[in-house]
């Protein structure tokens, strides 16, 4: 907008006409501090291993490792990374002074029996050697098939909307479930779903574990690809993740799917079979139950 060279109007006059401070023109943006990047890498590893750890426990873990860090810094970096502890949030579904529309939760008691019945989307932090990026993915709950994904250096809603549009070009779910993050409550996101005739569902009170499928996806992505390859730049990460998601969908065997691949289940005529409410097997349900009891007991102790 401001032309610093090759213009007959001085920079001072351009700034005056546009009502822009001159300091913003000469300001050179700088990336995150190296110390913050190193700390964020460690926080990412710890969060992947223990996604139920909040700021207090994260800080305690870092201090036990000899790092001098305070709660405020850990909280700031976790927010920058878009990470939040998984735990039941009290009174989450009560109406408040929110600016966005809150859609009802539509999956209570719903039996997940086929592909393209329920999709969900979530965002995670991807570490790089000199910084970080954000990964969004659209996942089919029944088949665990990654319908679409995208990588961005910002948390703007538009990269999520473009990922949604790409997913809707391949199919259309009956229900699309997300949390109440700003990317998923934007008018553009909801508009795309309404235009496609998809019912919108949002997590509410007591639904802290509804993103368990995407949390497992993130854990697989990081342990099996990101941490092993240690990407240096966004372009390199995008190329590597493309290869990984191809492997994940078409070659990686899933115990929960009877040692089949997501693609085999997703594109199989009839969509496979399921015999429980959430679409997961007995082992997964038992593990989820034990995790909820652990979190509940830990909350009572504190």
Protein backbone atom coordinates (compact mmCIF):
# COMPACT_ATOMS: atom_id res chain seq x y z
CA UNK A 1 0.00 0.00 0.00
CA UNK A 2 2.86 2.38 0.86
CA UNK A 3 5.39 2.77 -1.97
CA UNK A 4 8.78 3.56 -0.50
CA UNK A 5 10.53 3.90 -3.88
CA UNK A 6 9.50 4.98 -7.37
CA UNK A 7 6.72 7.26 -6.20
CA UNK A 8 6.47 11.06 -6.56
CA UNK A 9 4.65 11.31 -3.21
CA UNK A 10 6.87 11.10 -0.16
CA UNK A 11 6.45 8.34 2.39
CA UNK A 12 5.50 10.93 4.99
CA UNK A 13 2.70 12.28 2.78
CA UNK A 14 1.47 8.78 1.87
CA UNK A 15 1.24 7.92 5.56
CA UNK A 16 -0.64 11.15 6.26
CA UNK A 17 -3.14 10.50 3.47
CA UNK A 18 -3.74 6.92 4.59
CA UNK A 19 -3.69 7.80 8.29
CA UNK A 20 -0.94 5.25 8.92
CA UNK A 21 1.88 5.83 11.46
CA UNK A 22 5.26 6.02 9.76
CA UNK A 23 6.70 3.67 12.36
CA UNK A 24 4.64 0.82 10.93
CA UNK A 25 6.16 1.40 7.48
CA UNK A 26 9.73 1.12 8.70
CA UNK A 27 9.10 -1.65 11.19
CA UNK A 28 10.82 -4.89 10.19
CA UNK A 29 8.83 -7.94 11.40
CA UNK A 30 10.82 -10.47 13.36
CA UNK A 31 10.03 -14.10 14.00
CA UNK A 32 9.68 -15.77 17.39
CA UNK A 33 12.66 -15.79 19.72
CA UNK A 34 14.87 -18.87 19.58
CA UNK A 35 14.25 -19.51 23.27
CA UNK A 36 10.48 -19.46 22.70
CA UNK A 37 10.78 -21.83 19.73
CA UNK A 38 12.80 -24.30 21.80
CA UNK A 39 10.29 -24.12 24.63
CA UNK A 40 7.36 -24.55 22.25
CA UNK A 41 8.95 -27.68 20.81
CA UNK A 42 9.15 -29.16 24.31
CA UNK A 43 5.58 -28.11 25.11
CA UNK A 44 4.37 -29.74 21.91
CA UNK A 45 6.06 -33.03 22.81
CA UNK A 46 4.65 -32.98 26.33
CA UNK A 47 1.14 -32.05 25.15
CA UNK A 48 1.15 -34.89 22.62
CA UNK A 49 2.07 -37.33 25.40
CA UNK A 50 -0.24 -35.81 28.06
CA UNK A 51 -2.96 -33.67 26.42
CA UNK A 52 -4.77 -33.44 29.79
CA UNK A 53 -1.94 -31.42 31.40
CA UNK A 54 -2.83 -27.79 32.02
CA UNK A 55 -0.58 -24.79 32.55
CA UNK A 56 0.33 -25.72 36.13
CA UNK A 57 1.46 -29.24 35.29
CA UNK A 58 3.18 -28.17 32.10
CA UNK A 59 5.16 -25.62 34.09
CA UNK A 60 6.01 -28.19 36.75
CA UNK A 61 7.29 -30.65 34.13
CA UNK A 62 9.55 -28.02 32.58
CA UNK A 63 10.91 -26.97 35.97
CA UNK A 64 11.69 -30.58 36.86
CA UNK A 65 13.81 -30.66 33.70
CA UNK A 66 15.79 -27.68 34.95
CA UNK A 67 14.14 -24.98 32.85
CA UNK A 68 13.50 -21.60 34.44
CA UNK A 69 10.01 -20.75 33.25
CA UNK A 70 6.90 -19.18 34.74
CA UNK A 71 3.22 -19.93 34.41
CA UNK A 72 2.50 -16.79 32.40
CA UNK A 73 5.05 -17.66 29.75
CA UNK A 74 3.79 -21.24 29.44
CA UNK A 75 0.21 -19.98 29.19
CA UNK A 76 1.16 -17.43 26.50
CA UNK A 77 3.01 -20.01 24.40
CA UNK A 78 0.25 -22.61 24.68
CA UNK A 79 -2.25 -20.01 23.48
CA UNK A 80 0.06 -19.07 20.62
CA UNK A 81 0.26 -22.76 19.68
CA UNK A 82 -3.50 -23.16 19.90
CA UNK A 83 -3.21 -25.90 22.55
CA UNK A 84 -5.59 -26.39 25.45
CA UNK A 85 -5.80 -29.17 28.02
CA UNK A 86 -8.54 -31.73 27.45
CA UNK A 87 -10.83 -31.77 30.44
CA UNK A 88 -14.55 -31.43 31.17
CA UNK A 89 -15.30 -27.72 31.33
CA UNK A 90 -18.04 -26.76 33.82
CA UNK A 91 -21.04 -24.76 32.58
CA UNK A 92 -19.66 -24.70 29.05
CA UNK A 93 -23.03 -24.96 27.35
CA UNK A 94 -24.72 -22.11 29.22
CA UNK A 95 -25.48 -19.13 27.00
CA UNK A 96 -23.19 -16.19 27.48
CA UNK A 97 -22.08 -13.00 25.79
CA UNK A 98 -20.64 -14.74 22.72
CA UNK A 99 -20.76 -13.01 19.39
CA UNK A 100 -21.05 -16.14 17.30
CA UNK A 101 -23.98 -18.49 16.95
CA UNK A 102 -23.66 -21.66 19.05
CA UNK A 103 -25.07 -24.70 17.30
CA UNK A 104 -26.51 -27.64 19.27
CA UNK A 105 -24.64 -30.87 19.86
CA UNK A 106 -26.24 -33.44 17.54
CA UNK A 107 -24.31 -36.62 18.33
CA UNK A 108 -25.66 -37.60 21.74
CA UNK A 109 -26.74 -41.24 21.44
CA UNK A 110 -26.13 -41.35 17.68
CA UNK A 111 -24.86 -44.69 16.35
CA UNK A 112 -21.97 -44.17 13.92
CA UNK A 113 -22.59 -46.85 11.30
CA UNK A 114 -21.17 -45.69 7.99
CA UNK A 115 -18.67 -43.46 6.25
CA UNK A 116 -19.70 -39.88 5.49
CA UNK A 117 -22.13 -39.92 8.39
CA UNK A 118 -20.09 -37.71 10.72
CA UNK A 119 -17.05 -35.59 9.91
CA UNK A 120 -15.08 -33.43 12.30
CA UNK A 121 -12.29 -30.88 12.03
CA UNK A 122 -9.56 -29.76 14.38
CA UNK A 123 -6.33 -27.74 14.38
CA UNK A 124 -2.94 -28.63 15.83
CA UNK A 125 0.51 -27.05 16.15
CA UNK A 126 3.31 -28.33 13.91
CA UNK A 127 6.83 -27.50 15.01
CA UNK A 128 9.53 -26.47 12.55
CA UNK A 129 13.25 -25.98 13.05
CA UNK A 130 12.95 -22.21 12.95
CA UNK A 131 9.34 -21.62 13.86
CA UNK A 132 5.96 -23.30 13.66
CA UNK A 133 2.83 -23.77 11.57
CA UNK A 134 -0.78 -24.87 12.06
CA UNK A 135 -2.35 -28.00 10.61
CA UNK A 136 -6.09 -28.46 10.10
CA UNK A 137 -7.67 -31.75 9.04
CA UNK A 138 -11.15 -33.00 8.23
CA UNK A 139 -11.66 -36.54 9.53
CA UNK A 140 -14.38 -39.10 8.91
CA UNK A 141 -15.33 -40.56 12.30
CA UNK A 142 -16.30 -44.02 11.10
CA UNK A 143 -13.39 -44.82 8.79
CA UNK A 144 -10.73 -42.51 10.33
CA UNK A 145 -10.12 -41.34 6.75
CA UNK A 146 -8.49 -37.91 6.43
CA UNK A 147 -10.75 -36.28 3.86
CA UNK A 148 -8.67 -33.10 3.48
CA UNK A 149 -5.98 -31.15 5.29
CA UNK A 150 -4.02 -27.91 5.03
CA UNK A 151 -0.99 -26.21 6.57
CA UNK A 152 -0.81 -22.48 7.42
CA UNK A 153 1.49 -20.09 9.28
CA UNK A 154 -1.50 -18.26 10.79
CA UNK A 155 -4.69 -19.24 12.58
CA UNK A 156 -6.91 -17.31 10.17
CA UNK A 157 -10.29 -18.85 9.44
CA UNK A 158 -9.77 -18.82 5.68
CA UNK A 159 -7.31 -21.70 5.52
CA UNK A 160 -9.86 -23.82 7.42
CA UNK A 161 -12.64 -22.75 5.04
CA UNK A 162 -10.55 -23.71 2.01
CA UNK A 163 -9.85 -27.11 3.59
CA UNK A 164 -13.59 -27.56 4.16
CA UNK A 165 -14.36 -26.67 0.56
CA UNK A 166 -11.82 -29.22 -0.65
CA UNK A 167 -13.41 -31.88 1.57
CA UNK A 168 -16.94 -31.10 0.36
CA UNK A 169 -15.80 -31.55 -3.24
CA UNK A 170 -15.15 -35.24 -2.45
CA UNK A 171 -18.31 -35.99 -0.48
CA UNK A 172 -20.89 -34.67 1.93
CA UNK A 173 -21.44 -35.82 5.53
CA UNK A 174 -24.75 -35.89 7.31
CA UNK A 175 -23.31 -34.11 10.37
CA UNK A 176 -20.18 -31.98 10.81
CA UNK A 177 -18.95 -31.66 14.40
CA UNK A 178 -16.35 -29.18 15.72
CA UNK A 179 -15.50 -27.33 18.88
CA UNK A 180 -16.43 -23.68 19.32
CA UNK A 181 -13.12 -22.28 18.10
CA UNK A 182 -13.26 -19.01 16.18
CA UNK A 183 -12.24 -20.72 12.92
CA UNK A 184 -15.29 -23.01 13.12
CA UNK A 185 -17.81 -20.41 14.26
CA UNK A 186 -17.06 -17.94 11.49
CA UNK A 187 -19.81 -17.04 9.05
CA UNK A 188 -17.83 -18.38 6.09
CA UNK A 189 -17.39 -21.82 7.69
CA UNK A 190 -21.04 -22.17 8.72
CA UNK A 191 -22.18 -20.79 5.37
CA UNK A 192 -20.30 -23.48 3.43
CA UNK A 193 -21.91 -26.22 5.53
CA UNK A 194 -25.41 -24.77 5.28
CA UNK A 195 -25.02 -24.32 1.53
CA UNK A 196 -24.13 -28.01 1.23
CA UNK A 197 -27.05 -29.11 3.39
CA UNK A 198 -24.85 -30.41 6.21
CA UNK A 199 -26.12 -30.34 9.80
CA UNK A 200 -23.77 -28.37 12.07
CA UNK A 201 -22.91 -29.79 15.48
CA UNK A 202 -20.75 -28.19 18.17
CA UNK A 203 -19.29 -29.63 21.36
CA UNK A 204 -21.05 -28.53 24.52
CA UNK A 205 -21.09 -29.31 28.21
CA UNK A 206 -19.71 -32.72 29.13
CA UNK A 207 -18.28 -33.35 25.65
CA UNK A 208 -14.59 -32.89 26.49
CA UNK A 209 -13.59 -36.12 24.72
CA UNK A 210 -15.52 -35.73 21.48
CA UNK A 211 -12.34 -34.84 19.61
CA UNK A 212 -10.68 -38.10 20.72
CA UNK A 213 -10.44 -39.29 17.10
CA UNK A 214 -8.56 -36.20 15.92
CA UNK A 215 -6.37 -36.26 19.05
CA UNK A 216 -5.31 -39.77 18.09
CA UNK A 217 -4.68 -38.57 14.55
CA UNK A 218 -2.46 -35.74 15.81
CA UNK A 219 -0.53 -38.16 18.02
CA UNK A 220 0.09 -40.46 15.04
CA UNK A 221 1.11 -37.57 12.78
CA UNK A 222 3.61 -36.23 15.28
CA UNK A 223 5.15 -39.46 16.55
CA UNK A 224 5.28 -41.15 13.16
CA UNK A 225 6.25 -38.19 10.98
CA UNK A 226 6.85 -34.71 12.42
CA UNK A 227 9.14 -35.67 15.31
CA UNK A 228 11.10 -38.11 13.16
CA UNK A 229 11.70 -35.79 10.23
CA UNK A 230 12.06 -32.47 12.12
CA UNK A 231 10.94 -30.27 9.22
CA UNK A 232 12.85 -27.07 8.66
CA UNK A 233 10.35 -24.98 6.69
CA UNK A 234 6.67 -24.87 5.80
CA UNK A 235 7.25 -25.99 2.23
CA UNK A 236 9.21 -29.01 3.39
CA UNK A 237 6.57 -29.85 6.02
CA UNK A 238 3.76 -29.57 3.49
CA UNK A 239 5.55 -31.95 1.13
CA UNK A 240 6.29 -34.44 3.90
CA UNK A 241 2.78 -34.34 5.36
CA UNK A 242 1.34 -34.99 1.91
CA UNK A 243 3.33 -38.22 1.77
CA UNK A 244 2.37 -39.14 5.33
CA UNK A 245 -1.37 -38.63 4.87
CA UNK A 246 -1.20 -40.70 1.70
CA UNK A 247 0.40 -43.47 3.75
CA UNK A 248 -2.05 -42.97 6.63
CA UNK A 249 -5.12 -43.27 4.41
CA UNK A 250 -4.09 -46.07 2.06
CA UNK A 251 -1.35 -48.14 3.76
CA UNK A 252 -1.44 -47.74 7.55
CA UNK A 253 -3.37 -50.56 9.24
CA UNK A 254 -5.67 -49.61 12.14
CA UNK A 255 -6.45 -52.03 14.93
CA UNK A 256 -9.80 -50.31 15.52
CA UNK A 257 -10.71 -50.99 11.89
CA UNK A 258 -9.91 -54.69 12.08
CA UNK A 259 -6.40 -54.07 10.69
CA UNK A 260 -7.73 -52.44 7.58
CA UNK A 261 -6.76 -49.07 6.16
CA UNK A 262 -9.02 -46.01 6.39
CA UNK A 263 -9.39 -45.96 2.61
CA UNK A 264 -10.56 -49.58 2.54
CA UNK A 265 -13.27 -48.81 5.10
CA UNK A 266 -14.19 -45.39 3.72
CA UNK A 267 -14.71 -46.48 0.12
CA UNK A 268 -16.07 -49.95 0.85
CA UNK A 269 -19.66 -50.44 -0.37
CA UNK A 270 -21.97 -50.21 2.61
CA UNK A 271 -19.33 -48.46 4.70
CA UNK A 272 -18.40 -51.44 6.89
CA UNK A 273 -20.06 -52.21 10.19
CA UNK A 274 -20.29 -50.91 13.75
CA UNK A 275 -22.01 -52.23 16.85
CA UNK A 276 -21.78 -49.44 19.39
CA UNK A 277 -22.99 -45.88 19.83
CA UNK A 278 -19.73 -44.07 19.19
CA UNK A 279 -18.35 -46.24 16.41
CA UNK A 280 -15.31 -47.37 18.43
CA UNK A 281 -14.52 -50.87 19.61
CA UNK A 282 -14.67 -52.15 23.18
CA UNK A 283 -10.97 -51.55 23.88
CA UNK A 284 -11.26 -47.93 22.83
CA UNK A 285 -14.38 -47.41 24.92
CA UNK A 286 -12.68 -48.91 27.97
CA UNK A 287 -9.57 -46.77 27.47
CA UNK A 288 -11.76 -43.67 27.16
CA UNK A 289 -13.65 -44.60 30.34
CA UNK A 290 -10.41 -45.09 32.30
CA UNK A 291 -9.04 -41.78 31.03
CA UNK A 292 -12.15 -39.92 32.13
CA UNK A 293 -11.96 -41.55 35.59
CA UNK A 294 -8.29 -40.58 35.86
CA UNK A 295 -9.03 -36.98 34.94
CA UNK A 296 -11.95 -36.87 37.36
CA UNK A 297 -9.86 -38.22 40.25
CA UNK A 298 -7.02 -35.83 39.46
CA UNK A 299 -9.44 -32.89 39.46
CA UNK A 300 -10.81 -33.90 42.87
CA UNK A 301 -7.31 -34.13 44.36
CA UNK A 302 -6.50 -30.62 43.23
